[in-house]
Amino acid sequence: MKVSYTSHALKKFSDFRVFGIIVTKTQISRVIKAPKYQSRDNGNLISSSSFNENYILRVVHKEEKGDIIVITFYICRKGRYGEY
């Protein structure tokens, strides 16, 4: 299964880097393949897993023709969306 990224998602990597936060495509793939939590919103899947002891990484993605398209991703405090 191929994972591709929207231009918005690709820009997020450099946006986080400006603040000294490094998120890798490997981390994104791990969250998609083995999420701790998963939900749906507007037809898209939101997969999330721990980023560090205080934060989670949430990945918004969809599946098209057997491939995964990452729409965006973000980091938020644990518990923000009921996820720990």
N, C-alpha and C. Protein backbone atom coordinates (compact mmCIF):
# COMPACT_ATOMS: atom_id res chain seq x y z
N MET A 1 0.84 -1.17 0.00
CA MET A 1 0.00 0.00 0.00
C MET A 1 0.89 1.25 0.00
N LYS A 2 0.72 2.09 -0.99
CA LYS A 2 1.52 3.29 -1.15
C LYS A 2 0.94 4.43 -0.31
N VAL A 3 1.81 5.20 0.32
CA VAL A 3 1.39 6.37 1.09
C VAL A 3 1.86 7.61 0.34
N SER A 4 0.91 8.49 0.00
CA SER A 4 1.27 9.75 -0.64
C SER A 4 0.75 10.91 0.21
N TYR A 5 1.24 12.10 -0.07
CA TYR A 5 0.94 13.27 0.75
C TYR A 5 0.41 14.41 -0.11
N THR A 6 -0.58 15.12 0.42
CA THR A 6 -1.05 16.32 -0.26
C THR A 6 0.03 17.39 -0.10
N SER A 7 -0.04 18.44 -0.90
CA SER A 7 0.94 19.53 -0.77
C SER A 7 0.86 20.16 0.62
N HIS A 8 -0.34 20.23 1.17
CA HIS A 8 -0.51 20.77 2.52
C HIS A 8 0.24 19.91 3.54
N ALA A 9 0.09 18.60 3.45
CA ALA A 9 0.76 17.70 4.39
C ALA A 9 2.28 17.81 4.26
N LEU A 10 2.78 17.92 3.04
CA LEU A 10 4.22 18.06 2.84
C LEU A 10 4.75 19.35 3.46
N LYS A 11 3.97 20.41 3.37
CA LYS A 11 4.38 21.69 3.96
C LYS A 11 4.44 21.61 5.48
N LYS A 12 3.60 20.78 6.08
CA LYS A 12 3.57 20.65 7.53
C LYS A 12 4.92 20.18 8.10
N PHE A 13 5.65 19.34 7.35
CA PHE A 13 6.95 18.88 7.82
C PHE A 13 7.87 20.07 8.08
N SER A 14 7.94 21.00 7.12
CA SER A 14 8.81 22.17 7.30
C SER A 14 8.23 23.16 8.31
N ASP A 15 6.91 23.25 8.39
CA ASP A 15 6.29 24.13 9.38
C ASP A 15 6.69 23.72 10.79
N PHE A 16 6.65 22.43 11.08
CA PHE A 16 7.03 21.94 12.40
C PHE A 16 8.53 22.12 12.65
N ARG A 17 9.33 21.92 11.60
CA ARG A 17 10.78 22.03 11.73
C ARG A 17 11.18 23.44 12.18
N VAL A 18 10.45 24.46 11.74
CA VAL A 18 10.72 25.85 12.15
C VAL A 18 10.71 25.97 13.67
N PHE A 19 9.85 25.21 14.31
CA PHE A 19 9.73 25.26 15.77
C PHE A 19 10.58 24.19 16.47
N GLY A 20 11.43 23.52 15.71
CA GLY A 20 12.32 22.52 16.28
C GLY A 20 11.66 21.18 16.53
N ILE A 21 10.50 20.96 15.92
CA ILE A 21 9.79 19.69 16.08
C ILE A 21 9.99 18.87 14.80
N ILE A 22 10.58 17.71 14.96
CA ILE A 22 10.85 16.86 13.81
C ILE A 22 9.81 15.74 13.74
N VAL A 23 9.07 15.73 12.66
CA VAL A 23 8.11 14.66 12.37
C VAL A 23 8.59 14.02 11.08
N THR A 24 8.66 12.69 11.05
CA THR A 24 9.15 11.99 9.86
C THR A 24 8.02 11.23 9.16
N LYS A 25 8.26 10.91 7.92
CA LYS A 25 7.29 10.10 7.17
C LYS A 25 7.17 8.71 7.79
N THR A 26 8.24 8.22 8.39
CA THR A 26 8.19 6.92 9.07
C THR A 26 7.23 6.98 10.24
N GLN A 27 7.28 8.07 11.01
CA GLN A 27 6.35 8.22 12.14
C GLN A 27 4.91 8.27 11.64
N ILE A 28 4.68 9.00 10.55
CA ILE A 28 3.33 9.11 9.97
C ILE A 28 2.85 7.72 9.56
N SER A 29 3.70 6.95 8.88
CA SER A 29 3.33 5.61 8.43
C SER A 29 3.00 4.69 9.60
N ARG A 30 3.79 4.79 10.67
CA ARG A 30 3.53 3.96 11.86
C ARG A 30 2.17 4.27 12.47
N VAL A 31 1.84 5.55 12.55
CA VAL A 31 0.54 5.94 13.13
C VAL A 31 -0.59 5.39 12.27
N ILE A 32 -0.45 5.46 10.95
CA ILE A 32 -1.49 4.96 10.05
C ILE A 32 -1.63 3.44 10.16
N LYS A 33 -0.51 2.74 10.21
CA LYS A 33 -0.54 1.27 10.22
C LYS A 33 -0.91 0.67 11.58
N ALA A 34 -0.55 1.36 12.66
CA ALA A 34 -0.82 0.83 14.01
C ALA A 34 -1.27 1.95 14.95
N PRO A 35 -2.44 2.53 14.69
CA PRO A 35 -2.90 3.63 15.54
C PRO A 35 -3.33 3.15 16.92
N LYS A 36 -3.13 4.00 17.90
CA LYS A 36 -3.65 3.69 19.23
C LYS A 36 -5.14 4.03 19.27
N TYR A 37 -5.51 5.09 18.55
CA TYR A 37 -6.91 5.51 18.44
C TYR A 37 -7.21 5.78 16.97
N GLN A 38 -8.47 5.58 16.60
CA GLN A 38 -8.88 5.88 15.23
C GLN A 38 -10.33 6.34 15.24
N SER A 39 -10.61 7.37 14.45
CA SER A 39 -11.98 7.88 14.34
C SER A 39 -12.19 8.37 12.91
N ARG A 40 -13.41 8.77 12.62
CA ARG A 40 -13.73 9.31 11.29
C ARG A 40 -14.27 10.73 11.44
N ASP A 41 -13.96 11.56 10.46
CA ASP A 41 -14.49 12.91 10.42
C ASP A 41 -14.61 13.33 8.96
N ASN A 42 -15.79 13.71 8.55
CA ASN A 42 -16.05 14.12 7.17
C ASN A 42 -15.57 13.09 6.15
N GLY A 43 -15.71 11.82 6.48
CA GLY A 43 -15.33 10.77 5.55
C GLY A 43 -13.85 10.41 5.58
N ASN A 44 -13.05 11.15 6.32
CA ASN A 44 -11.62 10.87 6.43
C ASN A 44 -11.34 10.13 7.73
N LEU A 45 -10.30 9.33 7.71
CA LEU A 45 -9.86 8.65 8.92
C LEU A 45 -8.89 9.55 9.68
N ILE A 46 -8.99 9.53 11.00
CA ILE A 46 -8.02 10.21 11.85
C ILE A 46 -7.39 9.14 12.72
N SER A 47 -6.12 8.89 12.49
CA SER A 47 -5.38 7.91 13.26
C SER A 47 -4.44 8.66 14.19
N SER A 48 -4.33 8.19 15.42
CA SER A 48 -3.44 8.89 16.35
C SER A 48 -2.70 7.90 17.23
N SER A 49 -1.54 8.37 17.68
CA SER A 49 -0.70 7.58 18.55
C SER A 49 0.21 8.54 19.31
N SER A 50 0.85 8.05 20.33
CA SER A 50 1.71 8.88 21.16
C SER A 50 2.88 9.45 20.36
N PHE A 51 3.15 10.75 20.55
CA PHE A 51 4.31 11.40 19.93
C PHE A 51 5.46 11.46 20.94
N ASN A 52 5.12 11.83 22.16
CA ASN A 52 6.05 11.78 23.29
C ASN A 52 5.21 11.66 24.56
N GLU A 53 5.78 11.89 25.71
CA GLU A 53 5.02 11.64 26.94
C GLU A 53 3.86 12.60 27.15
N ASN A 54 3.88 13.77 26.52
CA ASN A 54 2.81 14.75 26.70
C ASN A 54 1.92 14.99 25.49
N TYR A 55 2.35 14.54 24.32
CA TYR A 55 1.64 14.87 23.09
C TYR A 55 1.33 13.64 22.25
N ILE A 56 0.29 13.77 21.42
CA ILE A 56 -0.05 12.74 20.45
C ILE A 56 0.10 13.30 19.04
N LEU A 57 0.34 12.42 18.10
CA LEU A 57 0.41 12.78 16.69
C LEU A 57 -0.86 12.27 16.04
N ARG A 58 -1.63 13.18 15.44
CA ARG A 58 -2.87 12.80 14.76
C ARG A 58 -2.66 12.97 13.25
N VAL A 59 -3.06 11.96 12.49
CA VAL A 59 -2.88 11.95 11.04
C VAL A 59 -4.25 11.81 10.38
N VAL A 60 -4.60 12.79 9.56
CA VAL A 60 -5.86 12.76 8.81
C VAL A 60 -5.53 12.21 7.43
N HIS A 61 -6.21 11.13 7.05
CA HIS A 61 -5.90 10.48 5.78
C HIS A 61 -7.14 9.82 5.21
N LYS A 62 -7.02 9.42 3.95
CA LYS A 62 -8.11 8.68 3.29
C LYS A 62 -7.48 7.63 2.39
N GLU A 63 -8.30 6.67 2.01
CA GLU A 63 -7.84 5.60 1.13
C GLU A 63 -8.53 5.77 -0.22
N GLU A 64 -7.73 5.74 -1.27
CA GLU A 64 -8.26 5.82 -2.64
C GLU A 64 -7.55 4.77 -3.49
N LYS A 65 -8.32 3.91 -4.10
CA LYS A 65 -7.79 2.88 -5.00
C LYS A 65 -6.68 2.07 -4.33
N GLY A 66 -6.85 1.77 -3.06
CA GLY A 66 -5.88 0.96 -2.34
C GLY A 66 -4.66 1.70 -1.82
N ASP A 67 -4.55 2.99 -2.13
CA ASP A 67 -3.43 3.79 -1.64
C ASP A 67 -3.91 4.72 -0.53
N ILE A 68 -3.00 5.14 0.31
CA ILE A 68 -3.33 6.05 1.41
C ILE A 68 -2.84 7.44 1.04
N ILE A 69 -3.72 8.42 1.22
CA ILE A 69 -3.37 9.82 0.98
C ILE A 69 -3.42 10.54 2.32
N VAL A 70 -2.28 11.08 2.74
CA VAL A 70 -2.22 11.86 3.97
C VAL A 70 -2.64 13.28 3.64
N ILE A 71 -3.70 13.74 4.29
CA ILE A 71 -4.23 15.07 4.04
C ILE A 71 -3.52 16.10 4.91
N THR A 72 -3.38 15.79 6.18
CA THR A 72 -2.67 16.66 7.11
C THR A 72 -2.30 15.86 8.35
N PHE A 73 -1.51 16.44 9.20
CA PHE A 73 -1.20 15.85 10.50
C PHE A 73 -0.90 16.98 11.47
N TYR A 74 -1.09 16.70 12.74
CA TYR A 74 -0.84 17.72 13.75
C TYR A 74 -0.54 17.06 15.08
N ILE A 75 0.05 17.83 15.95
CA ILE A 75 0.42 17.37 17.28
C ILE A 75 -0.45 18.13 18.28
N CYS A 76 -0.99 17.41 19.26
CA CYS A 76 -1.79 18.06 20.29
C CYS A 76 -1.55 17.38 21.63
N ARG A 77 -1.92 18.08 22.68
CA ARG A 77 -1.75 17.53 24.04
C ARG A 77 -2.59 16.27 24.21
N LYS A 78 -2.04 15.32 24.94
CA LYS A 78 -2.80 14.12 25.27
C LYS A 78 -4.04 14.53 26.05
N GLY A 79 -5.15 13.92 25.73
CA GLY A 79 -6.41 14.24 26.40
C GLY A 79 -7.24 15.27 25.67
N ARG A 80 -6.66 15.99 24.72
CA ARG A 80 -7.38 17.04 23.98
C ARG A 80 -8.60 16.47 23.27
N TYR A 81 -8.47 15.31 22.71
CA TYR A 81 -9.56 14.65 22.00
C TYR A 81 -9.97 13.36 22.71
N GLY A 82 -9.68 13.27 23.99
CA GLY A 82 -10.01 12.08 24.76
C GLY A 82 -9.02 10.94 24.58
N GLU A 83 -7.91 11.23 23.93
CA GLU A 83 -6.90 10.21 23.64
C GLU A 83 -5.73 10.39 24.60
N TYR A 84 -5.28 9.28 25.18
CA TYR A 84 -4.16 9.34 26.13
C TYR A 84 -3.04 8.44 25.72
